[in-house]
């Protein structure tokens, strides 16, 4: 049984260097046969902009499987229910 890996980054691919790099790593992991999932963590106030800019490709420009998005609330201190629920649903080992 393969370990499920979760790659997670704030913002969405193509928007910033770290998210774009993390998404590229995730894509390579999938090509190499790993059970990899990618999680975009997006602040609620930026969602309309991203929806307008990327449409259906929001957070998943290559249309890969196992890509998820969790919308978080500002301020970031404290628990983020959407983030916790998404991670629990994915159930990563790493």
PDB file of N, CA and C in Angstrom:
ATOM      1  N   UNK A   1       0.830  -1.178   0.000  1.00  0.00           N
ATOM      2  CA  UNK A   1       0.000   0.000   0.000  1.00  0.00           C
ATOM      3  C   UNK A   1       0.882   1.251   0.000  1.00  0.00           C
ATOM      4  N   UNK A   2       0.572   2.170  -0.876  1.00  0.00           N
ATOM      5  CA  UNK A   2       1.332   3.414  -0.977  1.00  0.00           C
ATOM      6  C   UNK A   2       0.885   4.400   0.083  1.00  0.00           C
ATOM      7  N   UNK A   3       1.819   5.194   0.548  1.00  0.00           N
ATOM      8  CA  UNK A   3       1.476   6.284   1.463  1.00  0.00           C
ATOM      9  C   UNK A   3       0.837   7.409   0.666  1.00  0.00           C
ATOM     10  N   UNK A   4      -0.214   7.980   1.196  1.00  0.00           N
ATOM     11  CA  UNK A   4      -0.864   9.134   0.569  1.00  0.00           C
ATOM     12  C   UNK A   4      -0.132  10.394   1.002  1.00  0.00           C
ATOM     13  N   UNK A   5       0.283  11.180   0.022  1.00  0.00           N
ATOM     14  CA  UNK A   5       1.046  12.404   0.265  1.00  0.00           C
ATOM     15  C   UNK A   5       0.164  13.610  -0.038  1.00  0.00           C
ATOM     16  N   UNK A   6       0.202  14.583   0.843  1.00  0.00           N
ATOM     17  CA  UNK A   6      -0.534  15.833   0.620  1.00  0.00           C
ATOM     18  C   UNK A   6       0.461  16.966   0.448  1.00  0.00           C
ATOM     19  N   UNK A   7       0.389  17.633  -0.696  1.00  0.00           N
ATOM     20  CA  UNK A   7       1.170  18.833  -0.965  1.00  0.00           C
ATOM     21  C   UNK A   7       0.194  19.994  -0.828  1.00  0.00           C
ATOM     22  N   UNK A   8       0.571  20.969  -0.022  1.00  0.00           N
ATOM     23  CA  UNK A   8      -0.348  22.052   0.302  1.00  0.00           C
ATOM     24  C   UNK A   8       0.368  23.389   0.178  1.00  0.00           C
ATOM     25  N   UNK A   9      -0.334  24.394  -0.354  1.00  0.00           N
ATOM     26  CA  UNK A   9       0.288  25.709  -0.487  1.00  0.00           C
ATOM     27  C   UNK A   9      -0.782  26.797  -0.410  1.00  0.00           C
ATOM     28  N   UNK A  10      -0.383  27.949   0.113  1.00  0.00           N
ATOM     29  CA  UNK A  10      -1.257  29.115   0.172  1.00  0.00           C
ATOM     30  C   UNK A  10      -1.246  29.805  -1.186  1.00  0.00           C
ATOM     31  N   UNK A  11      -2.406  30.269  -1.627  1.00  0.00           N
ATOM     32  CA  UNK A  11      -2.635  30.869  -2.939  1.00  0.00           C
ATOM     33  C   UNK A  11      -2.844  29.747  -3.957  1.00  0.00           C
ATOM     34  N   UNK A  12      -2.857  30.107  -5.236  1.00  0.00           N
ATOM     35  CA  UNK A  12      -3.109  29.112  -6.278  1.00  0.00           C
ATOM     36  C   UNK A  12      -1.961  29.079  -7.280  1.00  0.00           C
ATOM     37  N   UNK A  13      -1.760  27.934  -7.950  1.00  0.00           N
ATOM     38  CA  UNK A  13      -0.702  27.860  -8.961  1.00  0.00           C
ATOM     39  C   UNK A  13      -0.889  28.941 -10.020  1.00  0.00           C
ATOM     40  N   UNK A  14       0.191  29.436 -10.527  1.00  0.00           N
ATOM     41  CA  UNK A  14       0.318  30.521 -11.510  1.00  0.00           C
ATOM     42  C   UNK A  14       0.248  31.893 -10.856  1.00  0.00           C
ATOM     43  N   UNK A  15      -0.181  31.971  -9.608  1.00  0.00           N
ATOM     44  CA  UNK A  15      -0.292  33.253  -8.913  1.00  0.00           C
ATOM     45  C   UNK A  15       0.991  33.619  -8.183  1.00  0.00           C
ATOM     46  N   UNK A  16       1.665  32.628  -7.676  1.00  0.00           N
ATOM     47  CA  UNK A  16       2.879  32.908  -6.915  1.00  0.00           C
ATOM     48  C   UNK A  16       3.913  31.827  -7.126  1.00  0.00           C
ATOM     49  N   UNK A  17       5.131  32.134  -6.794  1.00  0.00           N
ATOM     50  CA  UNK A  17       6.209  31.183  -7.015  1.00  0.00           C
ATOM     51  C   UNK A  17       6.080  29.911  -6.213  1.00  0.00           C
ATOM     52  N   UNK A  18       5.738  30.025  -4.927  1.00  0.00           N
ATOM     53  CA  UNK A  18       5.688  28.819  -4.102  1.00  0.00           C
ATOM     54  C   UNK A  18       4.536  27.903  -4.518  1.00  0.00           C
ATOM     55  N   UNK A  19       3.373  28.454  -4.822  1.00  0.00           N
ATOM     56  CA  UNK A  19       2.236  27.625  -5.240  1.00  0.00           C
ATOM     57  C   UNK A  19       2.502  26.968  -6.586  1.00  0.00           C
ATOM     58  N   UNK A  20       3.107  27.699  -7.487  1.00  0.00           N
ATOM     59  CA  UNK A  20       3.424  27.150  -8.804  1.00  0.00           C
ATOM     60  C   UNK A  20       4.454  26.037  -8.682  1.00  0.00           C
ATOM     61  N   UNK A  21       5.463  26.236  -7.860  1.00  0.00           N
ATOM     62  CA  UNK A  21       6.490  25.209  -7.647  1.00  0.00           C
ATOM     63  C   UNK A  21       5.913  23.982  -6.960  1.00  0.00           C
ATOM     64  N   UNK A  22       5.060  24.189  -5.955  1.00  0.00           N
ATOM     65  CA  UNK A  22       4.443  23.068  -5.244  1.00  0.00           C
ATOM     66  C   UNK A  22       3.547  22.257  -6.178  1.00  0.00           C
ATOM     67  N   UNK A  23       2.804  22.934  -7.042  1.00  0.00           N
ATOM     68  CA  UNK A  23       1.930  22.257  -8.000  1.00  0.00           C
ATOM     69  C   UNK A  23       2.760  21.443  -8.991  1.00  0.00           C
ATOM     70  N   UNK A  24       3.894  21.988  -9.441  1.00  0.00           N
ATOM     71  CA  UNK A  24       4.778  21.256 -10.352  1.00  0.00           C
ATOM     72  C   UNK A  24       5.332  20.001  -9.681  1.00  0.00           C
ATOM     73  N   UNK A  25       5.711  20.107  -8.412  1.00  0.00           N
ATOM     74  CA  UNK A  25       6.180  18.944  -7.660  1.00  0.00           C
ATOM     75  C   UNK A  25       5.075  17.902  -7.544  1.00  0.00           C
ATOM     76  N   UNK A  26       3.866  18.336  -7.212  1.00  0.00           N
ATOM     77  CA  UNK A  26       2.715  17.444  -7.117  1.00  0.00           C
ATOM     78  C   UNK A  26       2.473  16.721  -8.447  1.00  0.00           C
ATOM     79  N   UNK A  27       2.522  17.456  -9.558  1.00  0.00           N
ATOM     80  CA  UNK A  27       2.312  16.845 -10.874  1.00  0.00           C
ATOM     81  C   UNK A  27       3.367  15.768 -11.144  1.00  0.00           C
ATOM     82  N   UNK A  28       4.607  16.040 -10.797  1.00  0.00           N
ATOM     83  CA  UNK A  28       5.679  15.050 -10.973  1.00  0.00           C
ATOM     84  C   UNK A  28       5.434  13.826 -10.093  1.00  0.00           C
ATOM     85  N   UNK A  29       4.993  14.051  -8.871  1.00  0.00           N
ATOM     86  CA  UNK A  29       4.699  12.930  -7.969  1.00  0.00           C
ATOM     87  C   UNK A  29       3.616  12.036  -8.574  1.00  0.00           C
ATOM     88  N   UNK A  30       2.576  12.654  -9.140  1.00  0.00           N
ATOM     89  CA  UNK A  30       1.528  11.850  -9.773  1.00  0.00           C
ATOM     90  C   UNK A  30       2.070  11.085 -10.982  1.00  0.00           C
ATOM     91  N   UNK A  31       2.858  11.756 -11.806  1.00  0.00           N
ATOM     92  CA  UNK A  31       3.443  11.073 -12.975  1.00  0.00           C
ATOM     93  C   UNK A  31       4.310   9.901 -12.547  1.00  0.00           C
ATOM     94  N   UNK A  32       4.971  10.019 -11.400  1.00  0.00           N
ATOM     95  CA  UNK A  32       5.832   8.952 -10.885  1.00  0.00           C
ATOM     96  C   UNK A  32       5.052   7.854 -10.170  1.00  0.00           C
ATOM     97  N   UNK A  33       3.727   7.968 -10.141  1.00  0.00           N
ATOM     98  CA  UNK A  33       2.892   6.909  -9.590  1.00  0.00           C
ATOM     99  C   UNK A  33       2.570   7.019  -8.113  1.00  0.00           C
ATOM    100  N   UNK A  34       2.912   8.134  -7.485  1.00  0.00           N
ATOM    101  CA  UNK A  34       2.593   8.309  -6.068  1.00  0.00           C
ATOM    102  C   UNK A  34       1.115   8.654  -5.882  1.00  0.00           C
ATOM    103  N   UNK A  35       0.581   8.306  -4.741  1.00  0.00           N
ATOM    104  CA  UNK A  35      -0.783   8.684  -4.366  1.00  0.00           C
ATOM    105  C   UNK A  35      -0.699  10.095  -3.781  1.00  0.00           C
ATOM    106  N   UNK A  36      -0.614  11.078  -4.650  1.00  0.00           N
ATOM    107  CA  UNK A  36      -0.415  12.468  -4.234  1.00  0.00           C
ATOM    108  C   UNK A  36      -1.691  13.286  -4.428  1.00  0.00           C
ATOM    109  N   UNK A  37      -1.937  14.169  -3.476  1.00  0.00           N
ATOM    110  CA  UNK A  37      -3.055  15.112  -3.539  1.00  0.00           C
ATOM    111  C   UNK A  37      -2.477  16.511  -3.370  1.00  0.00           C
ATOM    112  N   UNK A  38      -3.156  17.496  -3.952  1.00  0.00           N
ATOM    113  CA  UNK A  38      -2.717  18.887  -3.845  1.00  0.00           C
ATOM    114  C   UNK A  38      -3.839  19.702  -3.219  1.00  0.00           C
ATOM    115  N   UNK A  39      -3.476  20.564  -2.284  1.00  0.00           N
ATOM    116  CA  UNK A  39      -4.460  21.398  -1.598  1.00  0.00           C
ATOM    117  C   UNK A  39      -4.084  22.861  -1.730  1.00  0.00           C
ATOM    118  N   UNK A  40      -4.956  23.620  -2.390  1.00  0.00           N
ATOM    119  CA  UNK A  40      -4.844  25.074  -2.447  1.00  0.00           C
ATOM    120  C   UNK A  40      -5.497  25.631  -1.189  1.00  0.00           C
ATOM    121  N   UNK A  41      -4.816  26.517  -0.492  1.00  0.00           N
ATOM    122  CA  UNK A  41      -5.405  27.208   0.650  1.00  0.00           C
ATOM    123  C   UNK A  41      -5.591  28.659   0.209  1.00  0.00           C
ATOM    124  N   UNK A  42      -6.849  29.089   0.166  1.00  0.00           N
ATOM    125  CA  UNK A  42      -7.175  30.389  -0.402  1.00  0.00           C
ATOM    126  C   UNK A  42      -7.961  31.216   0.603  1.00  0.00           C
ATOM    127  N   UNK A  43      -7.569  32.461   0.764  1.00  0.00           N
ATOM    128  CA  UNK A  43      -8.295  33.369   1.648  1.00  0.00           C
ATOM    129  C   UNK A  43      -9.618  33.770   0.991  1.00  0.00           C
ATOM    130  N   UNK A  44     -10.696  33.741   1.773  1.00  0.00           N
ATOM    131  CA  UNK A  44     -12.039  33.989   1.246  1.00  0.00           C
ATOM    132  C   UNK A  44     -12.129  35.277   0.415  1.00  0.00           C
ATOM    133  N   UNK A  45     -11.481  36.338   0.856  1.00  0.00           N
ATOM    134  CA  UNK A  45     -11.598  37.618   0.146  1.00  0.00           C
ATOM    135  C   UNK A  45     -10.976  37.583  -1.245  1.00  0.00           C
ATOM    136  N   UNK A  46     -10.120  36.609  -1.529  1.00  0.00           N
ATOM    137  CA  UNK A  46      -9.489  36.529  -2.850  1.00  0.00           C
ATOM    138  C   UNK A  46     -10.238  35.615  -3.817  1.00  0.00           C
ATOM    139  N   UNK A  47     -11.215  34.874  -3.328  1.00  0.00           N
ATOM    140  CA  UNK A  47     -11.927  33.905  -4.171  1.00  0.00           C
ATOM    141  C   UNK A  47     -12.576  34.561  -5.397  1.00  0.00           C
ATOM    142  N   UNK A  48     -13.322  35.666  -5.260  1.00  0.00           N
ATOM    143  CA  UNK A  48     -13.933  36.259  -6.464  1.00  0.00           C
ATOM    144  C   UNK A  48     -12.909  36.627  -7.539  1.00  0.00           C
ATOM    145  N   UNK A  49     -11.783  37.176  -7.125  1.00  0.00           N
ATOM    146  CA  UNK A  49     -10.737  37.515  -8.089  1.00  0.00           C
ATOM    147  C   UNK A  49     -10.226  36.270  -8.802  1.00  0.00           C
ATOM    148  N   UNK A  50      -9.933  35.226  -8.046  1.00  0.00           N
ATOM    149  CA  UNK A  50      -9.434  33.997  -8.655  1.00  0.00           C
ATOM    150  C   UNK A  50     -10.477  33.367  -9.570  1.00  0.00           C
ATOM    151  N   UNK A  51     -11.747  33.387  -9.177  1.00  0.00           N
ATOM    152  CA  UNK A  51     -12.795  32.828 -10.026  1.00  0.00           C
ATOM    153  C   UNK A  51     -12.894  33.607 -11.338  1.00  0.00           C
ATOM    154  N   UNK A  52     -12.812  34.914 -11.248  1.00  0.00           N
ATOM    155  CA  UNK A  52     -12.891  35.748 -12.436  1.00  0.00           C
ATOM    156  C   UNK A  52     -11.668  35.524 -13.331  1.00  0.00           C
ATOM    157  N   UNK A  53     -10.503  35.408 -12.717  1.00  0.00           N
ATOM    158  CA  UNK A  53      -9.260  35.264 -13.469  1.00  0.00           C
ATOM    159  C   UNK A  53      -9.093  33.877 -14.077  1.00  0.00           C
ATOM    160  N   UNK A  54      -9.393  32.812 -13.334  1.00  0.00           N
ATOM    161  CA  UNK A  54      -9.077  31.449 -13.765  1.00  0.00           C
ATOM    162  C   UNK A  54     -10.297  30.612 -14.136  1.00  0.00           C
ATOM    163  N   UNK A  55     -11.482  31.035 -13.772  1.00  0.00           N
ATOM    164  CA  UNK A  55     -12.679  30.266 -14.098  1.00  0.00           C
ATOM    165  C   UNK A  55     -12.590  28.847 -13.576  1.00  0.00           C
ATOM    166  N   UNK A  56     -12.949  27.896 -14.426  1.00  0.00           N
ATOM    167  CA  UNK A  56     -12.982  26.484 -14.023  1.00  0.00           C
ATOM    168  C   UNK A  56     -11.589  25.934 -13.709  1.00  0.00           C
ATOM    169  N   UNK A  57     -10.531  26.597 -14.190  1.00  0.00           N
ATOM    170  CA  UNK A  57      -9.164  26.125 -13.943  1.00  0.00           C
ATOM    171  C   UNK A  57      -8.616  26.616 -12.603  1.00  0.00           C
ATOM    172  N   UNK A  58      -9.443  27.270 -11.800  1.00  0.00           N
ATOM    173  CA  UNK A  58      -9.014  27.817 -10.514  1.00  0.00           C
ATOM    174  C   UNK A  58      -8.320  26.751  -9.674  1.00  0.00           C
ATOM    175  N   UNK A  59      -7.057  26.972  -9.380  1.00  0.00           N
ATOM    176  CA  UNK A  59      -6.294  26.081  -8.517  1.00  0.00           C
ATOM    177  C   UNK A  59      -5.796  24.806  -9.159  1.00  0.00           C
ATOM    178  N   UNK A  60      -6.152  24.584 -10.415  1.00  0.00           N
ATOM    179  CA  UNK A  60      -5.759  23.339 -11.083  1.00  0.00           C
ATOM    180  C   UNK A  60      -5.551  23.599 -12.577  1.00  0.00           C
ATOM    181  N   UNK A  61      -4.532  24.375 -12.926  1.00  0.00           N
ATOM    182  CA  UNK A  61      -4.370  24.778 -14.323  1.00  0.00           C
ATOM    183  C   UNK A  61      -4.160  23.634 -15.305  1.00  0.00           C
ATOM    184  N   UNK A  62      -3.622  22.516 -14.873  1.00  0.00           N
ATOM    185  CA  UNK A  62      -3.393  21.376 -15.768  1.00  0.00           C
ATOM    186  C   UNK A  62      -4.534  20.359 -15.734  1.00  0.00           C
ATOM    187  N   UNK A  63      -5.555  20.609 -14.925  1.00  0.00           N
ATOM    188  CA  UNK A  63      -6.689  19.692 -14.845  1.00  0.00           C
ATOM    189  C   UNK A  63      -6.340  18.329 -14.279  1.00  0.00           C
ATOM    190  N   UNK A  64      -5.423  18.301 -13.320  1.00  0.00           N
ATOM    191  CA  UNK A  64      -5.001  17.038 -12.716  1.00  0.00           C
ATOM    192  C   UNK A  64      -6.038  16.515 -11.724  1.00  0.00           C
ATOM    193  N   UNK A  65      -6.003  15.218 -11.467  1.00  0.00           N
ATOM    194  CA  UNK A  65      -6.911  14.616 -10.479  1.00  0.00           C
ATOM    195  C   UNK A  65      -6.399  14.923  -9.066  1.00  0.00           C
ATOM    196  N   UNK A  66      -7.263  14.779  -8.104  1.00  0.00           N
ATOM    197  CA  UNK A  66      -6.921  14.898  -6.683  1.00  0.00           C
ATOM    198  C   UNK A  66      -6.392  16.277  -6.294  1.00  0.00           C
ATOM    199  N   UNK A  67      -7.003  17.309  -6.850  1.00  0.00           N
ATOM    200  CA  UNK A  67      -6.684  18.688  -6.476  1.00  0.00           C
ATOM    201  C   UNK A  67      -7.874  19.231  -5.699  1.00  0.00           C
ATOM    202  N   UNK A  68      -7.608  19.851  -4.570  1.00  0.00           N
ATOM    203  CA  UNK A  68      -8.641  20.339  -3.663  1.00  0.00           C
ATOM    204  C   UNK A  68      -8.361  21.799  -3.322  1.00  0.00           C
ATOM    205  N   UNK A  69      -9.399  22.496  -2.891  1.00  0.00           N
ATOM    206  CA  UNK A  69      -9.237  23.883  -2.459  1.00  0.00           C
ATOM    207  C   UNK A  69      -9.985  24.070  -1.146  1.00  0.00           C
ATOM    208  N   UNK A  70      -9.314  24.660  -0.185  1.00  0.00           N
ATOM    209  CA  UNK A  70      -9.942  25.017   1.096  1.00  0.00           C
ATOM    210  C   UNK A  70      -9.917  26.541   1.209  1.00  0.00           C
ATOM    211  N   UNK A  71     -11.065  27.111   1.509  1.00  0.00           N
ATOM    212  CA  UNK A  71     -11.176  28.555   1.673  1.00  0.00           C
ATOM    213  C   UNK A  71     -11.094  28.868   3.159  1.00  0.00           C
ATOM    214  N   UNK A  72     -10.148  29.726   3.515  1.00  0.00           N
ATOM    215  CA  UNK A  72      -9.930  30.070   4.922  1.00  0.00           C
ATOM    216  C   UNK A  72     -10.362  31.512   5.187  1.00  0.00           C
ATOM    217  N   UNK A  73     -10.620  31.767   6.452  1.00  0.00           N
ATOM    218  CA  UNK A  73     -11.087  33.082   6.893  1.00  0.00           C
ATOM    219  C   UNK A  73      -9.941  33.875   7.508  1.00  0.00           C
ATOM    220  N   UNK A  74     -10.019  35.178   7.362  1.00  0.00           N
ATOM    221  CA  UNK A  74      -9.059  36.077   8.011  1.00  0.00           C
ATOM    222  C   UNK A  74      -9.708  36.585   9.292  1.00  0.00           C
ATOM    223  N   UNK A  75      -9.072  36.667  10.401  1.00  0.00           N
ATOM    224  CA  UNK A  75      -7.649  36.418  10.627  1.00  0.00           C
ATOM    225  C   UNK A  75      -7.339  34.927  10.658  1.00  0.00           C
ATOM    226  N   UNK A  76      -6.090  34.601  10.401  1.00  0.00           N
ATOM    227  CA  UNK A  76      -5.685  33.211  10.285  1.00  0.00           C
ATOM    228  C   UNK A  76      -5.428  32.541  11.629  1.00  0.00           C
ATOM    229  N   UNK A  77      -5.367  33.301  12.688  1.00  0.00           N
ATOM    230  CA  UNK A  77      -5.149  32.712  14.014  1.00  0.00           C
ATOM    231  C   UNK A  77      -6.355  31.856  14.373  1.00  0.00           C
ATOM    232  N   UNK A  78      -6.105  30.751  15.001  1.00  0.00           N
ATOM    233  CA  UNK A  78      -7.195  29.869  15.408  1.00  0.00           C
ATOM    234  C   UNK A  78      -7.454  28.782  14.378  1.00  0.00           C
ATOM    235  N   UNK A  79      -8.482  28.004  14.644  1.00  0.00           N
ATOM    236  CA  UNK A  79      -8.808  26.858  13.799  1.00  0.00           C
ATOM    237  C   UNK A  79      -9.533  27.323  12.545  1.00  0.00           C
ATOM    238  N   UNK A  80      -9.303  26.616  11.478  1.00  0.00           N
ATOM    239  CA  UNK A  80      -9.950  26.870  10.194  1.00  0.00           C
ATOM    240  C   UNK A  80     -10.727  25.608   9.817  1.00  0.00           C
ATOM    241  N   UNK A  81     -12.035  25.649  10.039  1.00  0.00           N
ATOM    242  CA  UNK A  81     -12.870  24.453   9.852  1.00  0.00           C
ATOM    243  C   UNK A  81     -12.762  23.875   8.441  1.00  0.00           C
ATOM    244  N   UNK A  82     -12.812  24.717   7.421  1.00  0.00           N
ATOM    245  CA  UNK A  82     -12.754  24.207   6.048  1.00  0.00           C
ATOM    246  C   UNK A  82     -11.437  23.497   5.775  1.00  0.00           C
ATOM    247  N   UNK A  83     -10.366  24.031   6.305  1.00  0.00           N
ATOM    248  CA  UNK A  83      -9.051  23.420   6.117  1.00  0.00           C
ATOM    249  C   UNK A  83      -8.974  22.078   6.847  1.00  0.00           C
ATOM    250  N   UNK A  84      -9.425  22.054   8.093  1.00  0.00           N
ATOM    251  CA  UNK A  84      -9.422  20.808   8.866  1.00  0.00           C
ATOM    252  C   UNK A  84     -10.261  19.725   8.191  1.00  0.00           C
ATOM    253  N   UNK A  85     -11.461  20.100   7.707  1.00  0.00           N
ATOM    254  CA  UNK A  85     -12.352  19.127   7.083  1.00  0.00           C
ATOM    255  C   UNK A  85     -11.769  18.583   5.777  1.00  0.00           C
ATOM    256  N   UNK A  86     -11.143  19.454   5.010  1.00  0.00           N
ATOM    257  CA  UNK A  86     -10.554  19.019   3.740  1.00  0.00           C
ATOM    258  C   UNK A  86      -9.394  18.053   3.988  1.00  0.00           C
ATOM    259  N   UNK A  87      -8.532  18.387   4.920  1.00  0.00           N
ATOM    260  CA  UNK A  87      -7.397  17.499   5.237  1.00  0.00           C
ATOM    261  C   UNK A  87      -7.905  16.166   5.773  1.00  0.00           C
ATOM    262  N   UNK A  88      -8.918  16.186   6.621  1.00  0.00           N
ATOM    263  CA  UNK A  88      -9.477  14.943   7.155  1.00  0.00           C
ATOM    264  C   UNK A  88     -10.078  14.084   6.040  1.00  0.00           C
ATOM    265  N   UNK A  89     -10.743  14.711   5.078  1.00  0.00           N
ATOM    266  CA  UNK A  89     -11.351  13.978   3.960  1.00  0.00           C
ATOM    267  C   UNK A  89     -10.265  13.337   3.073  1.00  0.00           C
ATOM    268  N   UNK A  90      -9.175  14.045   2.853  1.00  0.00           N
ATOM    269  CA  UNK A  90      -8.077  13.507   2.037  1.00  0.00           C
ATOM    270  C   UNK A  90      -7.357  12.390   2.790  1.00  0.00           C
ATOM    271  N   UNK A  91      -7.241  12.520   4.100  1.00  0.00           N
ATOM    272  CA  UNK A  91      -6.621  11.524   4.978  1.00  0.00           C
ATOM    273  C   UNK A  91      -5.197  11.157   4.542  1.00  0.00           C
ATOM    274  N   UNK A  92      -4.305  12.156   4.517  1.00  0.00           N
ATOM    275  CA  UNK A  92      -2.927  11.859   4.096  1.00  0.00           C
ATOM    276  C   UNK A  92      -2.133  11.105   5.158  1.00  0.00           C
ATOM    277  N   UNK A  93      -1.148  10.369   4.698  1.00  0.00           N
ATOM    278  CA  UNK A  93      -0.199   9.729   5.595  1.00  0.00           C
ATOM    279  C   UNK A  93       0.990  10.664   5.843  1.00  0.00           C
ATOM    280  N   UNK A  94       1.295  11.470   4.847  1.00  0.00           N
ATOM    281  CA  UNK A  94       2.421  12.400   4.911  1.00  0.00           C
ATOM    282  C   UNK A  94       1.952  13.764   4.458  1.00  0.00           C
TER     283      UNK A  94
END
